[in-house]
Amino acid sequence: MLTANELKNYIVNGLACDHAQVLGDDGQHFEAVVVSPQFAGKTRVQQHQQVYQALGDRMRSEIHALSLQTFTPEAWAKSIPQ
């Protein structure tokens, strides 16, 4: 069974991230926040596709559901309350 920490490691090893957080405790359903400079100039769909690419075949086999929030570093900085 996949853990949230393993999923986080797959993301950060496959995509340059400034921040990645993954939650989930049933081994199949996860929530992730991913901040990457590689998202700059990309649509939300393209950003999510980059995360899916980092996860590879795990999206078809090990992960049943993944709720994603993706941000550029600039958008992430603006989303944090001052």
PDB file of N, CA and C in Angstrom:
ATOM      1  N   MET A   1       0.838  -1.177   0.000  1.00  0.00           N
ATOM      2  CA  MET A   1       0.000   0.000   0.000  1.00  0.00           C
ATOM      3  C   MET A   1       0.889   1.248   0.000  1.00  0.00           C
ATOM      4  N   LEU A   2       0.554   2.206  -0.823  1.00  0.00           N
ATOM      5  CA  LEU A   2       1.302   3.449  -0.978  1.00  0.00           C
ATOM      6  C   LEU A   2       1.036   4.394   0.196  1.00  0.00           C
ATOM      7  N   THR A   3       2.084   5.028   0.704  1.00  0.00           N
ATOM      8  CA  THR A   3       1.914   6.010   1.771  1.00  0.00           C
ATOM      9  C   THR A   3       1.995   7.424   1.195  1.00  0.00           C
ATOM     10  N   ALA A   4       1.498   8.385   1.950  1.00  0.00           N
ATOM     11  CA  ALA A   4       1.559   9.789   1.528  1.00  0.00           C
ATOM     12  C   ALA A   4       3.015  10.232   1.358  1.00  0.00           C
ATOM     13  N   ASN A   5       3.893   9.768   2.233  1.00  0.00           N
ATOM     14  CA  ASN A   5       5.308  10.140   2.147  1.00  0.00           C
ATOM     15  C   ASN A   5       5.953   9.563   0.882  1.00  0.00           C
ATOM     16  N   GLU A   6       5.613   8.334   0.531  1.00  0.00           N
ATOM     17  CA  GLU A   6       6.141   7.736  -0.703  1.00  0.00           C
ATOM     18  C   GLU A   6       5.666   8.515  -1.920  1.00  0.00           C
ATOM     19  N   LEU A   7       4.396   8.883  -1.914  1.00  0.00           N
ATOM     20  CA  LEU A   7       3.848   9.653  -3.030  1.00  0.00           C
ATOM     21  C   LEU A   7       4.558  10.999  -3.149  1.00  0.00           C
ATOM     22  N   LYS A   8       4.786  11.651  -2.031  1.00  0.00           N
ATOM     23  CA  LYS A   8       5.521  12.922  -2.038  1.00  0.00           C
ATOM     24  C   LYS A   8       6.905  12.723  -2.642  1.00  0.00           C
ATOM     25  N   ASN A   9       7.588  11.663  -2.256  1.00  0.00           N
ATOM     26  CA  ASN A   9       8.920  11.391  -2.797  1.00  0.00           C
ATOM     27  C   ASN A   9       8.883  11.173  -4.302  1.00  0.00           C
ATOM     28  N   TYR A  10       7.883  10.480  -4.804  1.00  0.00           N
ATOM     29  CA  TYR A  10       7.749  10.285  -6.250  1.00  0.00           C
ATOM     30  C   TYR A  10       7.593  11.625  -6.964  1.00  0.00           C
ATOM     31  N   ILE A  11       6.808  12.520  -6.376  1.00  0.00           N
ATOM     32  CA  ILE A  11       6.587  13.836  -6.994  1.00  0.00           C
ATOM     33  C   ILE A  11       7.878  14.644  -7.000  1.00  0.00           C
ATOM     34  N   VAL A  12       8.539  14.757  -5.852  1.00  0.00           N
ATOM     35  CA  VAL A  12       9.741  15.609  -5.786  1.00  0.00           C
ATOM     36  C   VAL A  12      10.921  15.013  -6.556  1.00  0.00           C
ATOM     37  N   ASN A  13      10.939  13.714  -6.747  1.00  0.00           N
ATOM     38  CA  ASN A  13      12.001  13.100  -7.540  1.00  0.00           C
ATOM     39  C   ASN A  13      11.747  13.235  -9.037  1.00  0.00           C
ATOM     40  N   GLY A  14      10.495  13.473  -9.423  1.00  0.00           N
ATOM     41  CA  GLY A  14      10.165  13.574 -10.832  1.00  0.00           C
ATOM     42  C   GLY A  14       9.886  14.979 -11.321  1.00  0.00           C
ATOM     43  N   LEU A  15       9.860  15.952 -10.400  1.00  0.00           N
ATOM     44  CA  LEU A  15       9.502  17.326 -10.745  1.00  0.00           C
ATOM     45  C   LEU A  15      10.233  18.268  -9.798  1.00  0.00           C
ATOM     46  N   ALA A  16      10.861  19.295 -10.343  1.00  0.00           N
ATOM     47  CA  ALA A  16      11.541  20.284  -9.491  1.00  0.00           C
ATOM     48  C   ALA A  16      10.495  21.031  -8.670  1.00  0.00           C
ATOM     49  N   CYS A  17      10.538  20.843  -7.360  1.00  0.00           N
ATOM     50  CA  CYS A  17       9.532  21.438  -6.469  1.00  0.00           C
ATOM     51  C   CYS A  17      10.193  22.337  -5.428  1.00  0.00           C
ATOM     52  N   ASP A  18       9.543  23.460  -5.167  1.00  0.00           N
ATOM     53  CA  ASP A  18       9.943  24.303  -4.038  1.00  0.00           C
ATOM     54  C   ASP A  18       9.246  23.822  -2.767  1.00  0.00           C
ATOM     55  N   HIS A  19       8.080  23.196  -2.945  1.00  0.00           N
ATOM     56  CA  HIS A  19       7.292  22.713  -1.812  1.00  0.00           C
ATOM     57  C   HIS A  19       6.377  21.606  -2.311  1.00  0.00           C
ATOM     58  N   ALA A  20       6.242  20.565  -1.535  1.00  0.00           N
ATOM     59  CA  ALA A  20       5.281  19.501  -1.835  1.00  0.00           C
ATOM     60  C   ALA A  20       4.759  18.957  -0.519  1.00  0.00           C
ATOM     61  N   GLN A  21       3.457  18.839  -0.440  1.00  0.00           N
ATOM     62  CA  GLN A  21       2.810  18.282   0.741  1.00  0.00           C
ATOM     63  C   GLN A  21       1.761  17.300   0.253  1.00  0.00           C
ATOM     64  N   VAL A  22       1.755  16.113   0.822  1.00  0.00           N
ATOM     65  CA  VAL A  22       0.782  15.090   0.437  1.00  0.00           C
ATOM     66  C   VAL A  22       0.125  14.551   1.698  1.00  0.00           C
ATOM     67  N   LEU A  23      -1.192  14.490   1.659  1.00  0.00           N
ATOM     68  CA  LEU A  23      -1.973  13.930   2.754  1.00  0.00           C
ATOM     69  C   LEU A  23      -2.780  12.760   2.219  1.00  0.00           C
ATOM     70  N   GLY A  24      -3.030  11.807   3.072  1.00  0.00           N
ATOM     71  CA  GLY A  24      -3.837  10.647   2.716  1.00  0.00           C
ATOM     72  C   GLY A  24      -3.470   9.506   3.631  1.00  0.00           C
ATOM     73  N   ASP A  25      -4.479   8.782   4.087  1.00  0.00           N
ATOM     74  CA  ASP A  25      -4.167   7.728   5.051  1.00  0.00           C
ATOM     75  C   ASP A  25      -4.771   6.378   4.702  1.00  0.00           C
ATOM     76  N   ASP A  26      -5.384   6.263   3.519  1.00  0.00           N
ATOM     77  CA  ASP A  26      -5.962   4.967   3.173  1.00  0.00           C
ATOM     78  C   ASP A  26      -5.173   4.242   2.085  1.00  0.00           C
ATOM     79  N   GLY A  27      -4.084   4.849   1.599  1.00  0.00           N
ATOM     80  CA  GLY A  27      -3.244   4.193   0.617  1.00  0.00           C
ATOM     81  C   GLY A  27      -3.685   4.330  -0.824  1.00  0.00           C
ATOM     82  N   GLN A  28      -4.851   4.932  -1.073  1.00  0.00           N
ATOM     83  CA  GLN A  28      -5.343   5.086  -2.441  1.00  0.00           C
ATOM     84  C   GLN A  28      -5.861   6.483  -2.756  1.00  0.00           C
ATOM     85  N   HIS A  29      -6.323   7.209  -1.747  1.00  0.00           N
ATOM     86  CA  HIS A  29      -6.887   8.547  -1.940  1.00  0.00           C
ATOM     87  C   HIS A  29      -5.963   9.561  -1.286  1.00  0.00           C
ATOM     88  N   PHE A  30      -5.530  10.554  -2.095  1.00  0.00           N
ATOM     89  CA  PHE A  30      -4.542  11.505  -1.606  1.00  0.00           C
ATOM     90  C   PHE A  30      -4.917  12.931  -1.990  1.00  0.00           C
ATOM     91  N   GLU A  31      -4.404  13.880  -1.217  1.00  0.00           N
ATOM     92  CA  GLU A  31      -4.495  15.304  -1.515  1.00  0.00           C
ATOM     93  C   GLU A  31      -3.070  15.835  -1.535  1.00  0.00           C
ATOM     94  N   ALA A  32      -2.751  16.643  -2.553  1.00  0.00           N
ATOM     95  CA  ALA A  32      -1.395  17.162  -2.662  1.00  0.00           C
ATOM     96  C   ALA A  32      -1.391  18.641  -3.014  1.00  0.00           C
ATOM     97  N   VAL A  33      -0.425  19.341  -2.441  1.00  0.00           N
ATOM     98  CA  VAL A  33      -0.118  20.719  -2.805  1.00  0.00           C
ATOM     99  C   VAL A  33       1.302  20.689  -3.351  1.00  0.00           C
ATOM    100  N   VAL A  34       1.468  21.182  -4.583  1.00  0.00           N
ATOM    101  CA  VAL A  34       2.772  21.151  -5.229  1.00  0.00           C
ATOM    102  C   VAL A  34       3.109  22.550  -5.737  1.00  0.00           C
ATOM    103  N   VAL A  35       4.282  23.045  -5.377  1.00  0.00           N
ATOM    104  CA  VAL A  35       4.765  24.351  -5.808  1.00  0.00           C
ATOM    105  C   VAL A  35       6.019  24.125  -6.644  1.00  0.00           C
ATOM    106  N   SER A  36       5.976  24.575  -7.898  1.00  0.00           N
ATOM    107  CA  SER A  36       7.122  24.346  -8.784  1.00  0.00           C
ATOM    108  C   SER A  36       7.318  25.523  -9.729  1.00  0.00           C
ATOM    109  N   PRO A  37       8.572  25.933  -9.921  1.00  0.00           N
ATOM    110  CA  PRO A  37       8.840  26.980 -10.915  1.00  0.00           C
ATOM    111  C   PRO A  37       8.552  26.491 -12.332  1.00  0.00           C
ATOM    112  N   GLN A  38       8.512  25.180 -12.533  1.00  0.00           N
ATOM    113  CA  GLN A  38       8.207  24.634 -13.852  1.00  0.00           C
ATOM    114  C   GLN A  38       6.750  24.869 -14.266  1.00  0.00           C
ATOM    115  N   PHE A  39       5.917  25.302 -13.340  1.00  0.00           N
ATOM    116  CA  PHE A  39       4.512  25.582 -13.651  1.00  0.00           C
ATOM    117  C   PHE A  39       4.314  26.949 -14.290  1.00  0.00           C
ATOM    118  N   ALA A  40       5.332  27.788 -14.280  1.00  0.00           N
ATOM    119  CA  ALA A  40       5.218  29.154 -14.820  1.00  0.00           C
ATOM    120  C   ALA A  40       4.776  29.111 -16.285  1.00  0.00           C
ATOM    121  N   GLY A  41       3.761  29.903 -16.589  1.00  0.00           N
ATOM    122  CA  GLY A  41       3.265  30.010 -17.952  1.00  0.00           C
ATOM    123  C   GLY A  41       2.393  28.848 -18.394  1.00  0.00           C
ATOM    124  N   LYS A  42       2.114  27.916 -17.494  1.00  0.00           N
ATOM    125  CA  LYS A  42       1.310  26.746 -17.821  1.00  0.00           C
ATOM    126  C   LYS A  42      -0.110  26.915 -17.287  1.00  0.00           C
ATOM    127  N   THR A  43      -1.062  26.316 -17.978  1.00  0.00           N
ATOM    128  CA  THR A  43      -2.437  26.307 -17.473  1.00  0.00           C
ATOM    129  C   THR A  43      -2.510  25.333 -16.294  1.00  0.00           C
ATOM    130  N   ARG A  44      -3.582  25.396 -15.554  1.00  0.00           N
ATOM    131  CA  ARG A  44      -3.776  24.477 -14.419  1.00  0.00           C
ATOM    132  C   ARG A  44      -3.748  23.015 -14.912  1.00  0.00           C
ATOM    133  N   VAL A  45      -4.386  22.761 -16.045  1.00  0.00           N
ATOM    134  CA  VAL A  45      -4.398  21.402 -16.612  1.00  0.00           C
ATOM    135  C   VAL A  45      -2.975  20.954 -16.943  1.00  0.00           C
ATOM    136  N   GLN A  46      -2.189  21.824 -17.548  1.00  0.00           N
ATOM    137  CA  GLN A  46      -0.801  21.477 -17.880  1.00  0.00           C
ATOM    138  C   GLN A  46       0.035  21.238 -16.624  1.00  0.00           C
ATOM    139  N   GLN A  47      -0.222  22.017 -15.576  1.00  0.00           N
ATOM    140  CA  GLN A  47       0.487  21.821 -14.312  1.00  0.00           C
ATOM    141  C   GLN A  47       0.167  20.445 -13.732  1.00  0.00           C
ATOM    142  N   HIS A  48      -1.113  20.086 -13.752  1.00  0.00           N
ATOM    143  CA  HIS A  48      -1.522  18.785 -13.228  1.00  0.00           C
ATOM    144  C   HIS A  48      -0.925  17.660 -14.069  1.00  0.00           C
ATOM    145  N   GLN A  49      -0.874  17.857 -15.371  1.00  0.00           N
ATOM    146  CA  GLN A  49      -0.275  16.854 -16.250  1.00  0.00           C
ATOM    147  C   GLN A  49       1.201  16.640 -15.917  1.00  0.00           C
ATOM    148  N   GLN A  50       1.894  17.706 -15.541  1.00  0.00           N
ATOM    149  CA  GLN A  50       3.297  17.569 -15.154  1.00  0.00           C
ATOM    150  C   GLN A  50       3.439  16.712 -13.892  1.00  0.00           C
ATOM    151  N   VAL A  51       2.531  16.895 -12.949  1.00  0.00           N
ATOM    152  CA  VAL A  51       2.559  16.065 -11.738  1.00  0.00           C
ATOM    153  C   VAL A  51       2.250  14.616 -12.104  1.00  0.00           C
ATOM    154  N   TYR A  52       1.233  14.398 -12.935  1.00  0.00           N
ATOM    155  CA  TYR A  52       0.888  13.034 -13.356  1.00  0.00           C
ATOM    156  C   TYR A  52       2.062  12.375 -14.067  1.00  0.00           C
ATOM    157  N   GLN A  53       2.781  13.146 -14.875  1.00  0.00           N
ATOM    158  CA  GLN A  53       3.943  12.613 -15.580  1.00  0.00           C
ATOM    159  C   GLN A  53       5.018  12.179 -14.575  1.00  0.00           C
ATOM    160  N   ALA A  54       5.206  12.967 -13.530  1.00  0.00           N
ATOM    161  CA  ALA A  54       6.180  12.611 -12.493  1.00  0.00           C
ATOM    162  C   ALA A  54       5.788  11.310 -11.792  1.00  0.00           C
ATOM    163  N   LEU A  55       4.490  11.062 -11.690  1.00  0.00           N
ATOM    164  CA  LEU A  55       4.004   9.854 -11.023  1.00  0.00           C
ATOM    165  C   LEU A  55       3.986   8.641 -11.947  1.00  0.00           C
ATOM    166  N   GLY A  56       3.990   8.878 -13.243  1.00  0.00           N
ATOM    167  CA  GLY A  56       4.041   7.782 -14.211  1.00  0.00           C
ATOM    168  C   GLY A  56       2.879   6.817 -14.091  1.00  0.00           C
ATOM    169  N   ASP A  57       3.169   5.540 -14.211  1.00  0.00           N
ATOM    170  CA  ASP A  57       2.139   4.501 -14.197  1.00  0.00           C
ATOM    171  C   ASP A  57       1.442   4.340 -12.854  1.00  0.00           C
ATOM    172  N   ARG A  58       1.980   4.944 -11.814  1.00  0.00           N
ATOM    173  CA  ARG A  58       1.337   4.844 -10.499  1.00  0.00           C
ATOM    174  C   ARG A  58      -0.072   5.431 -10.520  1.00  0.00           C
ATOM    175  N   MET A  59      -0.312   6.395 -11.417  1.00  0.00           N
ATOM    176  CA  MET A  59      -1.648   6.984 -11.524  1.00  0.00           C
ATOM    177  C   MET A  59      -2.663   5.957 -12.027  1.00  0.00           C
ATOM    178  N   ARG A  60      -2.208   4.960 -12.742  1.00  0.00           N
ATOM    179  CA  ARG A  60      -3.110   3.931 -13.256  1.00  0.00           C
ATOM    180  C   ARG A  60      -3.236   2.733 -12.320  1.00  0.00           C
ATOM    181  N   SER A  61      -2.227   2.535 -11.490  1.00  0.00           N
ATOM    182  CA  SER A  61      -2.220   1.305 -10.702  1.00  0.00           C
ATOM    183  C   SER A  61      -2.361   1.527  -9.194  1.00  0.00           C
ATOM    184  N   GLU A  62      -1.509   2.344  -8.605  1.00  0.00           N
ATOM    185  CA  GLU A  62      -1.471   2.470  -7.143  1.00  0.00           C
ATOM    186  C   GLU A  62      -2.368   3.567  -6.579  1.00  0.00           C
ATOM    187  N   ILE A  63      -2.649   4.592  -7.372  1.00  0.00           N
ATOM    188  CA  ILE A  63      -3.372   5.761  -6.870  1.00  0.00           C
ATOM    189  C   ILE A  63      -4.778   5.760  -7.450  1.00  0.00           C
ATOM    190  N   HIS A  64      -5.758   5.673  -6.584  1.00  0.00           N
ATOM    191  CA  HIS A  64      -7.143   5.685  -7.040  1.00  0.00           C
ATOM    192  C   HIS A  64      -7.630   7.118  -7.278  1.00  0.00           C
ATOM    193  N   ALA A  65      -7.274   8.022  -6.368  1.00  0.00           N
ATOM    194  CA  ALA A  65      -7.717   9.409  -6.493  1.00  0.00           C
ATOM    195  C   ALA A  65      -6.646  10.347  -5.947  1.00  0.00           C
ATOM    196  N   LEU A  66      -6.421  11.431  -6.688  1.00  0.00           N
ATOM    197  CA  LEU A  66      -5.453  12.446  -6.263  1.00  0.00           C
ATOM    198  C   LEU A  66      -6.057  13.822  -6.498  1.00  0.00           C
ATOM    199  N   SER A  67      -6.282  14.535  -5.415  1.00  0.00           N
ATOM    200  CA  SER A  67      -6.758  15.911  -5.484  1.00  0.00           C
ATOM    201  C   SER A  67      -5.532  16.814  -5.451  1.00  0.00           C
ATOM    202  N   LEU A  68      -5.362  17.623  -6.505  1.00  0.00           N
ATOM    203  CA  LEU A  68      -4.156  18.438  -6.645  1.00  0.00           C
ATOM    204  C   LEU A  68      -4.446  19.921  -6.538  1.00  0.00           C
ATOM    205  N   GLN A  69      -3.551  20.622  -5.859  1.00  0.00           N
ATOM    206  CA  GLN A  69      -3.485  22.071  -5.895  1.00  0.00           C
ATOM    207  C   GLN A  69      -2.068  22.389  -6.340  1.00  0.00           C
ATOM    208  N   THR A  70      -1.937  23.101  -7.449  1.00  0.00           N
ATOM    209  CA  THR A  70      -0.610  23.425  -7.978  1.00  0.00           C
ATOM    210  C   THR A  70      -0.434  24.935  -8.021  1.00  0.00           C
ATOM    211  N   PHE A  71       0.800  25.364  -7.739  1.00  0.00           N
ATOM    212  CA  PHE A  71       1.123  26.788  -7.679  1.00  0.00           C
ATOM    213  C   PHE A  71       2.519  27.032  -8.241  1.00  0.00           C
ATOM    214  N   THR A  72       2.696  28.196  -8.860  1.00  0.00           N
ATOM    215  CA  THR A  72       4.046  28.687  -9.116  1.00  0.00           C
ATOM    216  C   THR A  72       4.549  29.233  -7.775  1.00  0.00           C
ATOM    217  N   PRO A  73       5.856  29.416  -7.605  1.00  0.00           N
ATOM    218  CA  PRO A  73       6.341  29.994  -6.345  1.00  0.00           C
ATOM    219  C   PRO A  73       5.726  31.372  -6.052  1.00  0.00           C
ATOM    220  N   GLU A  74       5.505  32.164  -7.100  1.00  0.00           N
ATOM    221  CA  GLU A  74       4.915  33.500  -6.911  1.00  0.00           C
ATOM    222  C   GLU A  74       3.469  33.399  -6.436  1.00  0.00           C
ATOM    223  N   ALA A  75       2.701  32.521  -7.059  1.00  0.00           N
ATOM    224  CA  ALA A  75       1.303  32.353  -6.652  1.00  0.00           C
ATOM    225  C   ALA A  75       1.218  31.771  -5.250  1.00  0.00           C
ATOM    226  N   TRP A  76       2.128  30.873  -4.912  1.00  0.00           N
ATOM    227  CA  TRP A  76       2.158  30.291  -3.565  1.00  0.00           C
ATOM    228  C   TRP A  76       2.443  31.365  -2.530  1.00  0.00           C
ATOM    229  N   ALA A  77       3.403  32.250  -2.800  1.00  0.00           N
ATOM    230  CA  ALA A  77       3.737  33.323  -1.867  1.00  0.00           C
ATOM    231  C   ALA A  77       2.540  34.244  -1.631  1.00  0.00           C
ATOM    232  N   LYS A  78       1.766  34.480  -2.669  1.00  0.00           N
ATOM    233  CA  LYS A  78       0.581  35.344  -2.540  1.00  0.00           C
ATOM    234  C   LYS A  78      -0.558  34.654  -1.780  1.00  0.00           C
ATOM    235  N   SER A  79      -0.583  33.318  -1.784  1.00  0.00           N
ATOM    236  CA  SER A  79      -1.676  32.590  -1.153  1.00  0.00           C
ATOM    237  C   SER A  79      -1.482  32.438   0.355  1.00  0.00           C
ATOM    238  N   ILE A  80      -0.272  32.699   0.826  1.00  0.00           N
ATOM    239  CA  ILE A  80       0.028  32.569   2.248  1.00  0.00           C
ATOM    240  C   ILE A  80      -0.324  33.875   2.955  1.00  0.00           C
ATOM    241  N   PRO A  81      -1.205  33.813   3.976  1.00  0.00           N
ATOM    242  CA  PRO A  81      -1.569  35.041   4.698  1.00  0.00           C
ATOM    243  C   PRO A  81      -0.356  35.703   5.330  1.00  0.00           C
ATOM    244  N   GLN A  82      -0.298  36.997   5.232  1.00  0.00           N
ATOM    245  CA  GLN A  82       0.831  37.745   5.797  1.00  0.00           C
ATOM    246  C   GLN A  82       0.580  38.095   7.242  1.00  0.00           C
TER     247      GLN A  82
END
